Every structure is written in C-alpha cells, then in structure tokens.
PDB file of N, CA and C in Angstrom:
ATOM      1  N   MET A   1      58.973  80.659 126.582  1.00  0.00           N
ATOM      2  CA  MET A   1      60.353  80.270 126.792  1.00  0.00           C
ATOM      3  C   MET A   1      60.383  78.959 127.583  1.00  0.00           C
ATOM      4  N   PHE A   2      61.181  78.017 127.104  1.00  0.00           N
ATOM      5  CA  PHE A   2      61.314  76.737 127.782  1.00  0.00           C
ATOM      6  C   PHE A   2      62.536  76.758 128.685  1.00  0.00           C
ATOM      7  N   LEU A   3      62.369  76.242 129.879  1.00  0.00           N
ATOM      8  CA  LEU A   3      63.468  76.171 130.832  1.00  0.00           C
ATOM      9  C   LEU A   3      64.062  74.778 130.824  1.00  0.00           C
ATOM     10  N   SER A   4      65.352  74.704 131.105  1.00  0.00           N
ATOM     11  CA  SER A   4      65.961  73.394 131.281  1.00  0.00           C
ATOM     12  C   SER A   4      65.429  72.811 132.598  1.00  0.00           C
ATOM     13  N   LYS A   5      65.645  71.536 132.773  1.00  0.00           N
ATOM     14  CA  LYS A   5      65.194  70.885 134.002  1.00  0.00           C
ATOM     15  C   LYS A   5      65.779  71.571 135.234  1.00  0.00           C
ATOM     16  N   ASP A   6      67.088  71.804 135.230  1.00  0.00           N
ATOM     17  CA  ASP A   6      67.736  72.429 136.393  1.00  0.00           C
ATOM     18  C   ASP A   6      67.240  73.856 136.625  1.00  0.00           C
ATOM     19  N   ASP A   7      67.011  74.589 135.550  1.00  0.00           N
ATOM     20  CA  ASP A   7      66.494  75.954 135.706  1.00  0.00           C
ATOM     21  C   ASP A   7      65.090  75.939 136.307  1.00  0.00           C
ATOM     22  N   TRP A   8      64.238  75.008 135.831  1.00  0.00           N
ATOM     23  CA  TRP A   8      62.876  74.907 136.354  1.00  0.00           C
ATOM     24  C   TRP A   8      62.914  74.567 137.843  1.00  0.00           C
ATOM     25  N   ILE A   9      63.735  73.576 138.197  1.00  0.00           N
ATOM     26  CA  ILE A   9      63.831  73.156 139.599  1.00  0.00           C
ATOM     27  C   ILE A   9      64.367  74.293 140.459  1.00  0.00           C
ATOM     28  N   ALA A  10      65.370  75.007 139.970  1.00  0.00           N
ATOM     29  CA  ALA A  10      65.933  76.122 140.739  1.00  0.00           C
ATOM     30  C   ALA A  10      64.890  77.202 140.980  1.00  0.00           C
ATOM     31  N   GLN A  11      64.130  77.536 139.947  1.00  0.00           N
ATOM     32  CA  GLN A  11      63.101  78.567 140.115  1.00  0.00           C
ATOM     33  C   GLN A  11      62.000  78.108 141.057  1.00  0.00           C
ATOM     34  N   ARG A  12      61.613  76.830 140.953  1.00  0.00           N
ATOM     35  CA  ARG A  12      60.565  76.318 141.835  1.00  0.00           C
ATOM     36  C   ARG A  12      61.062  76.249 143.276  1.00  0.00           C
ATOM     37  N   ALA A  13      62.295  75.796 143.471  1.00  0.00           N
ATOM     38  CA  ALA A  13      62.860  75.731 144.826  1.00  0.00           C
ATOM     39  C   ALA A  13      62.926  77.128 145.438  1.00  0.00           C
ATOM     40  N   TYR A  14      63.296  78.114 144.642  1.00  0.00           N
ATOM     41  CA  TYR A  14      63.339  79.491 145.125  1.00  0.00           C
ATOM     42  C   TYR A  14      61.945  79.964 145.529  1.00  0.00           C
ATOM     43  N   ALA A  15      60.947  79.635 144.705  1.00  0.00           N
ATOM     44  CA  ALA A  15      59.567  80.029 145.023  1.00  0.00           C
ATOM     45  C   ALA A  15      59.092  79.367 146.315  1.00  0.00           C
ATOM     46  N   LEU A  16      59.442  78.104 146.507  1.00  0.00           N
ATOM     47  CA  LEU A  16      59.079  77.408 147.752  1.00  0.00           C
ATOM     48  C   LEU A  16      59.750  78.072 148.951  1.00  0.00           C
ATOM     49  N   TRP A  17      61.016  78.415 148.790  1.00  0.00           N
ATOM     50  CA  TRP A  17      61.769  79.068 149.855  1.00  0.00           C
ATOM     51  C   TRP A  17      61.134  80.409 150.217  1.00  0.00           C
ATOM     52  N   GLU A  18      60.777  81.185 149.211  1.00  0.00           N
ATOM     53  CA  GLU A  18      60.134  82.474 149.472  1.00  0.00           C
ATOM     54  C   GLU A  18      58.773  82.294 150.134  1.00  0.00           C
ATOM     55  N   ALA A  19      57.995  81.298 149.656  1.00  0.00           N
ATOM     56  CA  ALA A  19      56.654  81.063 150.205  1.00  0.00           C
ATOM     57  C   ALA A  19      56.704  80.671 151.677  1.00  0.00           C
ATOM     58  N   GLU A  20      57.806  80.073 152.093  1.00  0.00           N
ATOM     59  CA  GLU A  20      57.948  79.674 153.501  1.00  0.00           C
ATOM     60  C   GLU A  20      58.612  80.759 154.350  1.00  0.00           C
ATOM     61  N   GLY A  21      58.785  81.940 153.776  1.00  0.00           N
ATOM     62  CA  GLY A  21      59.357  83.037 154.549  1.00  0.00           C
ATOM     63  C   GLY A  21      60.869  83.078 154.548  1.00  0.00           C
ATOM     64  N   ARG A  22      61.488  82.477 153.562  1.00  0.00           N
ATOM     65  CA  ARG A  22      62.950  82.481 153.389  1.00  0.00           C
ATOM     66  C   ARG A  22      63.704  81.928 154.592  1.00  0.00           C
ATOM     67  N   PRO A  23      63.331  80.723 155.039  1.00  0.00           N
ATOM     68  CA  PRO A  23      64.013  80.160 156.215  1.00  0.00           C
ATOM     69  C   PRO A  23      65.449  79.730 155.873  1.00  0.00           C
ATOM     70  N   ASP A  24      66.325  79.822 156.868  1.00  0.00           N
ATOM     71  CA  ASP A  24      67.716  79.379 156.699  1.00  0.00           C
ATOM     72  C   ASP A  24      67.806  77.857 156.785  1.00  0.00           C
ATOM     73  N   GLY A  25      68.731  77.297 156.035  1.00  0.00           N
ATOM     74  CA  GLY A  25      69.044  75.872 156.160  1.00  0.00           C
ATOM     75  C   GLY A  25      68.050  74.908 155.554  1.00  0.00           C
ATOM     76  N   ARG A  26      67.132  75.363 154.719  1.00  0.00           N
ATOM     77  CA  ARG A  26      66.124  74.460 154.153  1.00  0.00           C
ATOM     78  C   ARG A  26      66.258  74.307 152.635  1.00  0.00           C
ATOM     79  N   GLY A  27      67.371  74.800 152.078  1.00  0.00           N
ATOM     80  CA  GLY A  27      67.564  74.780 150.636  1.00  0.00           C
ATOM     81  C   GLY A  27      67.486  73.390 150.035  1.00  0.00           C
ATOM     82  N   GLY A  28      68.070  72.421 150.726  1.00  0.00           N
ATOM     83  CA  GLY A  28      68.042  71.035 150.235  1.00  0.00           C
ATOM     84  C   GLY A  28      66.633  70.482 150.175  1.00  0.00           C
ATOM     85  N   GLU A  29      65.828  70.781 151.170  1.00  0.00           N
ATOM     86  CA  GLU A  29      64.439  70.318 151.186  1.00  0.00           C
ATOM     87  C   GLU A  29      63.636  70.939 150.045  1.00  0.00           C
ATOM     88  N   HIS A  30      63.860  72.242 149.835  1.00  0.00           N
ATOM     89  CA  HIS A  30      63.133  72.921 148.762  1.00  0.00           C
ATOM     90  C   HIS A  30      63.549  72.374 147.396  1.00  0.00           C
ATOM     91  N   TRP A  31      64.829  72.089 147.242  1.00  0.00           N
ATOM     92  CA  TRP A  31      65.313  71.540 145.972  1.00  0.00           C
ATOM     93  C   TRP A  31      64.701  70.150 145.741  1.00  0.00           C
ATOM     94  N   GLN A  32      64.675  69.316 146.772  1.00  0.00           N
ATOM     95  CA  GLN A  32      64.092  67.977 146.640  1.00  0.00           C
ATOM     96  C   GLN A  32      62.604  68.052 146.314  1.00  0.00           C
ATOM     97  N   GLN A  33      61.890  68.961 146.967  1.00  0.00           N
ATOM     98  CA  GLN A  33      60.460  69.139 146.693  1.00  0.00           C
ATOM     99  C   GLN A  33      60.259  69.561 145.241  1.00  0.00           C
ATOM    100  N   ALA A  34      61.054  70.515 144.778  1.00  0.00           N
ATOM    101  CA  ALA A  34      60.941  70.984 143.395  1.00  0.00           C
ATOM    102  C   ALA A  34      61.280  69.861 142.422  1.00  0.00           C
ATOM    103  N   ASP A  35      62.280  69.056 142.748  1.00  0.00           N
ATOM    104  CA  ASP A  35      62.651  67.923 141.889  1.00  0.00           C
ATOM    105  C   ASP A  35      61.514  66.913 141.808  1.00  0.00           C
ATOM    106  N   ARG A  36      60.860  66.617 142.934  1.00  0.00           N
ATOM    107  CA  ARG A  36      59.712  65.693 142.932  1.00  0.00           C
ATOM    108  C   ARG A  36      58.588  66.247 142.060  1.00  0.00           C
ATOM    109  N   GLU A  37      58.315  67.539 142.205  1.00  0.00           N
ATOM    110  CA  GLU A  37      57.254  68.165 141.409  1.00  0.00           C
ATOM    111  C   GLU A  37      57.582  68.095 139.917  1.00  0.00           C
ATOM    112  N   TYR A  38      58.835  68.322 139.565  1.00  0.00           N
ATOM    113  CA  TYR A  38      59.240  68.260 138.154  1.00  0.00           C
ATOM    114  C   TYR A  38      59.027  66.848 137.603  1.00  0.00           C
ATOM    115  N   ARG A  39      59.454  65.837 138.375  1.00  0.00           N
ATOM    116  CA  ARG A  39      59.285  64.445 137.921  1.00  0.00           C
ATOM    117  C   ARG A  39      57.811  64.096 137.751  1.00  0.00           C
ATOM    118  N   MET A  40      56.968  64.570 138.663  1.00  0.00           N
ATOM    119  CA  MET A  40      55.531  64.301 138.549  1.00  0.00           C
ATOM    120  C   MET A  40      54.957  64.960 137.295  1.00  0.00           C
ATOM    121  N   LEU A  41      55.390  66.175 137.013  1.00  0.00           N
ATOM    122  CA  LEU A  41      54.931  66.850 135.795  1.00  0.00           C
ATOM    123  C   LEU A  41      55.370  66.085 134.553  1.00  0.00           C
ATOM    124  N   GLU A  42      56.588  65.600 134.554  1.00  0.00           N
ATOM    125  CA  GLU A  42      57.088  64.846 133.411  1.00  0.00           C
ATOM    126  C   GLU A  42      56.308  63.536 133.218  1.00  0.00           C
ATOM    127  N   GLU A  43      55.983  62.877 134.319  1.00  0.00           N
ATOM    128  CA  GLU A  43      55.268  61.602 134.237  1.00  0.00           C
ATOM    129  C   GLU A  43      53.841  61.774 133.752  1.00  0.00           C
ATOM    130  N   THR A  44      53.236  62.903 134.014  1.00  0.00           N
ATOM    131  CA  THR A  44      51.827  63.106 133.654  1.00  0.00           C
ATOM    132  C   THR A  44      51.649  63.924 132.389  1.00  0.00           C
ATOM    133  N   ARG A  45      52.737  64.352 131.778  1.00  0.00           N
ATOM    134  CA  ARG A  45      52.650  65.193 130.582  1.00  0.00           C
ATOM    135  C   ARG A  45      52.150  64.371 129.404  1.00  0.00           C
ATOM    136  N   ALA A  46      51.220  64.934 128.674  1.00  0.00           N
ATOM    137  CA  ALA A  46      50.661  64.266 127.503  1.00  0.00           C
ATOM    138  C   ALA A  46      51.609  64.430 126.321  1.00  0.00           C
ATOM    139  N   SER A  47      51.460  63.550 125.338  1.00  0.00           N
ATOM    140  CA  SER A  47      52.255  63.674 124.124  1.00  0.00           C
ATOM    141  C   SER A  47      51.782  64.893 123.332  1.00  0.00           C
ATOM    142  N   ALA A  48      52.613  65.342 122.442  1.00  0.00           N
ATOM    143  CA  ALA A  48      52.298  66.553 121.675  1.00  0.00           C
ATOM    144  C   ALA A  48      51.027  66.395 120.852  1.00  0.00           C
ATOM    145  N   ASP A  49      50.792  65.206 120.317  1.00  0.00           N
ATOM    146  CA  ASP A  49      49.601  65.009 119.483  1.00  0.00           C
ATOM    147  C   ASP A  49      48.394  64.499 120.271  1.00  0.00           C
ATOM    148  N   GLY A  50      48.565  64.252 121.556  1.00  0.00           N
ATOM    149  CA  GLY A  50      47.456  63.815 122.395  1.00  0.00           C
ATOM    150  C   GLY A  50      47.114  62.343 122.268  1.00  0.00           C
ATOM    151  N   SER A  51      47.905  61.583 121.511  1.00  0.00           N
ATOM    152  CA  SER A  51      47.564  60.178 121.279  1.00  0.00           C
ATOM    153  C   SER A  51      47.564  59.360 122.569  1.00  0.00           C
ATOM    154  N   ASP A  52      48.465  59.646 123.495  1.00  0.00           N
ATOM    155  CA  ASP A  52      48.478  58.888 124.744  1.00  0.00           C
ATOM    156  C   ASP A  52      47.232  59.163 125.572  1.00  0.00           C
ATOM    157  N   LEU A  53      46.754  60.398 125.554  1.00  0.00           N
ATOM    158  CA  LEU A  53      45.532  60.735 126.275  1.00  0.00           C
ATOM    159  C   LEU A  53      44.329  60.032 125.656  1.00  0.00           C
ATOM    160  N   ILE A  54      44.268  59.996 124.348  1.00  0.00           N
ATOM    161  CA  ILE A  54      43.173  59.314 123.655  1.00  0.00           C
ATOM    162  C   ILE A  54      43.150  57.842 124.035  1.00  0.00           C
ATOM    163  N   GLU A  55      44.312  57.207 124.056  1.00  0.00           N
ATOM    164  CA  GLU A  55      44.378  55.788 124.431  1.00  0.00           C
ATOM    165  C   GLU A  55      43.937  55.581 125.878  1.00  0.00           C
ATOM    166  N   ARG A  56      44.343  56.477 126.776  1.00  0.00           N
ATOM    167  CA  ARG A  56      43.914  56.349 128.178  1.00  0.00           C
ATOM    168  C   ARG A  56      42.408  56.506 128.313  1.00  0.00           C
ATOM    169  N   LEU A  57      41.828  57.443 127.571  1.00  0.00           N
ATOM    170  CA  LEU A  57      40.375  57.640 127.623  1.00  0.00           C
ATOM    171  C   LEU A  57      39.634  56.425 127.071  1.00  0.00           C
ATOM    172  N   LYS A  58      40.142  55.850 125.987  1.00  0.00           N
ATOM    173  CA  LYS A  58      39.521  54.641 125.429  1.00  0.00           C
ATOM    174  C   LYS A  58      39.570  53.504 126.443  1.00  0.00           C
ATOM    175  N   ALA A  59      40.729  53.328 127.072  1.00  0.00           N
ATOM    176  CA  ALA A  59      40.874  52.266 128.074  1.00  0.00           C
ATOM    177  C   ALA A  59      39.935  52.502 129.250  1.00  0.00           C
ATOM    178  N   MET A  60      39.790  53.767 129.666  1.00  0.00           N
ATOM    179  CA  MET A  60      38.890  54.098 130.765  1.00  0.00           C
ATOM    180  C   MET A  60      37.449  53.769 130.383  1.00  0.00           C
ATOM    181  N   GLY A  61      37.072  54.080 129.143  1.00  0.00           N
ATOM    182  CA  GLY A  61      35.725  53.768 128.678  1.00  0.00           C
ATOM    183  C   GLY A  61      35.468  52.275 128.675  1.00  0.00           C
ATOM    184  N   ARG A  62      36.456  51.499 128.208  1.00  0.00           N
ATOM    185  CA  ARG A  62      36.307  50.033 128.220  1.00  0.00           C
ATOM    186  C   ARG A  62      36.144  49.522 129.643  1.00  0.00           C
ATOM    187  N   SER A  63      36.927  50.066 130.572  1.00  0.00           N
ATOM    188  CA  SER A  63      36.839  49.641 131.975  1.00  0.00           C
ATOM    189  C   SER A  63      35.477  49.981 132.563  1.00  0.00           C
ATOM    190  N   MET A  64      34.967  51.151 132.237  1.00  0.00           N
ATOM    191  CA  MET A  64      33.668  51.566 132.768  1.00  0.00           C
ATOM    192  C   MET A  64      32.551  50.685 132.205  1.00  0.00           C
ATOM    193  N   ARG A  65      32.627  50.365 130.912  1.00  0.00           N
ATOM    194  CA  ARG A  65      31.607  49.483 130.329  1.00  0.00           C
ATOM    195  C   ARG A  65      31.672  48.091 130.941  1.00  0.00           C
ATOM    196  N   ALA A  66      32.867  47.578 131.172  1.00  0.00           N
ATOM    197  CA  ALA A  66      33.014  46.267 131.789  1.00  0.00           C
ATOM    198  C   ALA A  66      32.444  46.275 133.207  1.00  0.00           C
ATOM    199  N   ALA A  67      32.680  47.349 133.943  1.00  0.00           N
ATOM    200  CA  ALA A  67      32.144  47.450 135.303  1.00  0.00           C
ATOM    201  C   ALA A  67      30.620  47.505 135.276  1.00  0.00           C
ATOM    202  N   GLU A  68      30.055  48.231 134.311  1.00  0.00           N
ATOM    203  CA  GLU A  68      28.596  48.283 134.182  1.00  0.00           C
ATOM    204  C   GLU A  68      28.040  46.899 133.881  1.00  0.00           C
ATOM    205  N   ASP A  69      28.703  46.175 132.990  1.00  0.00           N
ATOM    206  CA  ASP A  69      28.246  44.832 132.647  1.00  0.00           C
ATOM    207  C   ASP A  69      28.296  43.908 133.858  1.00  0.00           C
ATOM    208  N   ARG A  70      29.387  43.996 134.636  1.00  0.00           N
ATOM    209  CA  ARG A  70      29.485  43.166 135.849  1.00  0.00           C
ATOM    210  C   ARG A  70      28.389  43.537 136.833  1.00  0.00           C
ATOM    211  N   GLU A  71      28.124  44.832 136.971  1.00  0.00           N
ATOM    212  CA  GLU A  71      27.079  45.302 137.882  1.00  0.00           C
ATOM    213  C   GLU A  71      25.710  44.782 137.431  1.00  0.00           C
ATOM    214  N   ASP A  72      25.442  44.844 136.134  1.00  0.00           N
ATOM    215  CA  ASP A  72      24.172  44.354 135.600  1.00  0.00           C
ATOM    216  C   ASP A  72      23.987  42.874 135.912  1.00  0.00           C
ATOM    217  N   ARG A  73      25.039  42.085 135.721  1.00  0.00           N
ATOM    218  CA  ARG A  73      24.940  40.643 135.972  1.00  0.00           C
ATOM    219  C   ARG A  73      24.757  40.346 137.449  1.00  0.00           C
ATOM    220  N   SER A  74      25.334  41.144 138.324  1.00  0.00           N
ATOM    221  CA  SER A  74      25.240  40.868 139.754  1.00  0.00           C
ATOM    222  C   SER A  74      23.894  41.308 140.333  1.00  0.00           C
ATOM    223  N   GLU A  75      23.187  42.218 139.669  1.00  0.00           N
ATOM    224  CA  GLU A  75      21.902  42.685 140.183  1.00  0.00           C
ATOM    225  C   GLU A  75      20.834  41.611 140.086  1.00  0.00           C
ATOM    226  N   THR A  76      20.883  40.784 139.076  1.00  0.00           N
ATOM    227  CA  THR A  76      19.893  39.727 138.903  1.00  0.00           C
ATOM    228  C   THR A  76      20.605  38.418 138.584  1.00  0.00           C
ATOM    229  N   PRO A  77      21.037  37.701 139.610  1.00  0.00           N
ATOM    230  CA  PRO A  77      21.747  36.461 139.357  1.00  0.00           C
ATOM    231  C   PRO A  77      20.827  35.428 138.679  1.00  0.00           C
ATOM    232  N   GLY A  78      21.386  34.736 137.701  1.00  0.00           N
ATOM    233  CA  GLY A  78      20.635  33.688 137.032  1.00  0.00           C
ATOM    234  C   GLY A  78      19.778  34.159 135.872  1.00  0.00           C
ATOM    235  N   LYS A  79      19.563  35.449 135.728  1.00  0.00           N
ATOM    236  CA  LYS A  79      18.752  35.969 134.637  1.00  0.00           C
ATOM    237  C   LYS A  79      19.633  36.760 133.683  1.00  0.00           C
ATOM    238  N   ALA A  80      19.309  36.681 132.435  1.00  0.00           N
ATOM    239  CA  ALA A  80      20.015  37.487 131.440  1.00  0.00           C
ATOM    240  C   ALA A  80      19.434  38.892 131.509  1.00  0.00           C
ATOM    241  N   VAL A  81      20.285  39.854 131.741  1.00  0.00           N
ATOM    242  CA  VAL A  81      19.854  41.243 131.845  1.00  0.00           C
ATOM    243  C   VAL A  81      20.390  41.999 130.642  1.00  0.00           C
ATOM    244  N   PRO A  82      19.502  42.723 129.944  1.00  0.00           N
ATOM    245  CA  PRO A  82      20.024  43.481 128.808  1.00  0.00           C
ATOM    246  C   PRO A  82      21.015  44.549 129.244  1.00  0.00           C
ATOM    247  N   SER A  83      21.966  44.790 128.419  1.00  0.00           N
ATOM    248  CA  SER A  83      22.988  45.798 128.711  1.00  0.00           C
ATOM    249  C   SER A  83      22.348  47.161 128.810  1.00  0.00           C
ATOM    250  N   ARG A  84      22.867  48.007 129.664  1.00  0.00           N
ATOM    251  CA  ARG A  84      22.368  49.377 129.774  1.00  0.00           C
ATOM    252  C   ARG A  84      22.586  50.118 128.472  1.00  0.00           C
ATOM    253  N   ARG A  85      23.631  49.777 127.765  1.00  0.00           N
ATOM    254  CA  ARG A  85      23.909  50.458 126.501  1.00  0.00           C
ATOM    255  C   ARG A  85      22.813  50.180 125.483  1.00  0.00           C
ATOM    256  N   SER A  86      22.285  48.959 125.462  1.00  0.00           N
ATOM    257  CA  SER A  86      21.252  48.649 124.482  1.00  0.00           C
ATOM    258  C   SER A  86      19.912  49.305 124.835  1.00  0.00           C
ATOM    259  N   ALA A  87      19.729  49.645 126.100  1.00  0.00           N
ATOM    260  CA  ALA A  87      18.477  50.287 126.515  1.00  0.00           C
ATOM    261  C   ALA A  87      18.489  51.782 126.267  1.00  0.00           C
ATOM    262  N   ARG A  88      19.635  52.321 125.939  1.00  0.00           N
ATOM    263  CA  ARG A  88      19.740  53.769 125.755  1.00  0.00           C
ATOM    264  C   ARG A  88      19.309  54.188 124.392  1.00  0.00           C
TER     265      ARG A  88
END
C-alpha cells in the first residue's frame, strides 16, 4: 500500500513522538523531522527502471579511473607509466 506524502509524514512523526516517550509540545519538531526524512528519501529514490543508478555508477567508475591515472602519473614524474588497467 502506498501512502500519500502527508500520510507518510504523519505516521513517521507519530513514530518519532512515541520513540521519545510521547513528550508534550514537540509535535512541530517531530513533523519537521519527518518532513526532512521524506524529502531525503525522495531525493535519493532511484528511478523505476534503475537508469539513473546505472548512470551514477558509470560516472563513479569514470571518476575512479581518472583518479587512478592521476595517481599513476604523480608516482613517477617525468616517466610514462603504464595504466594499471593495462597491467591487469
């Protein structure tokens, strides 16, 4: 079952309130905390087909290879160093 945004936030705020021992006067804080958590979940949610995750992984791989190449060049200045990928 899918909850609306407000229903999810209300349930999460209630859970936070209960977890803190049901303190008086903290409803606004719990609601704000639940709202922040909901927004974070929305921002990090992957697409249904996973295409955004695949693109992020590809970009991460490119960044890691570039960092390895920079590291290889800095280990021996002035000399051409074969790529670690070619040695594998």
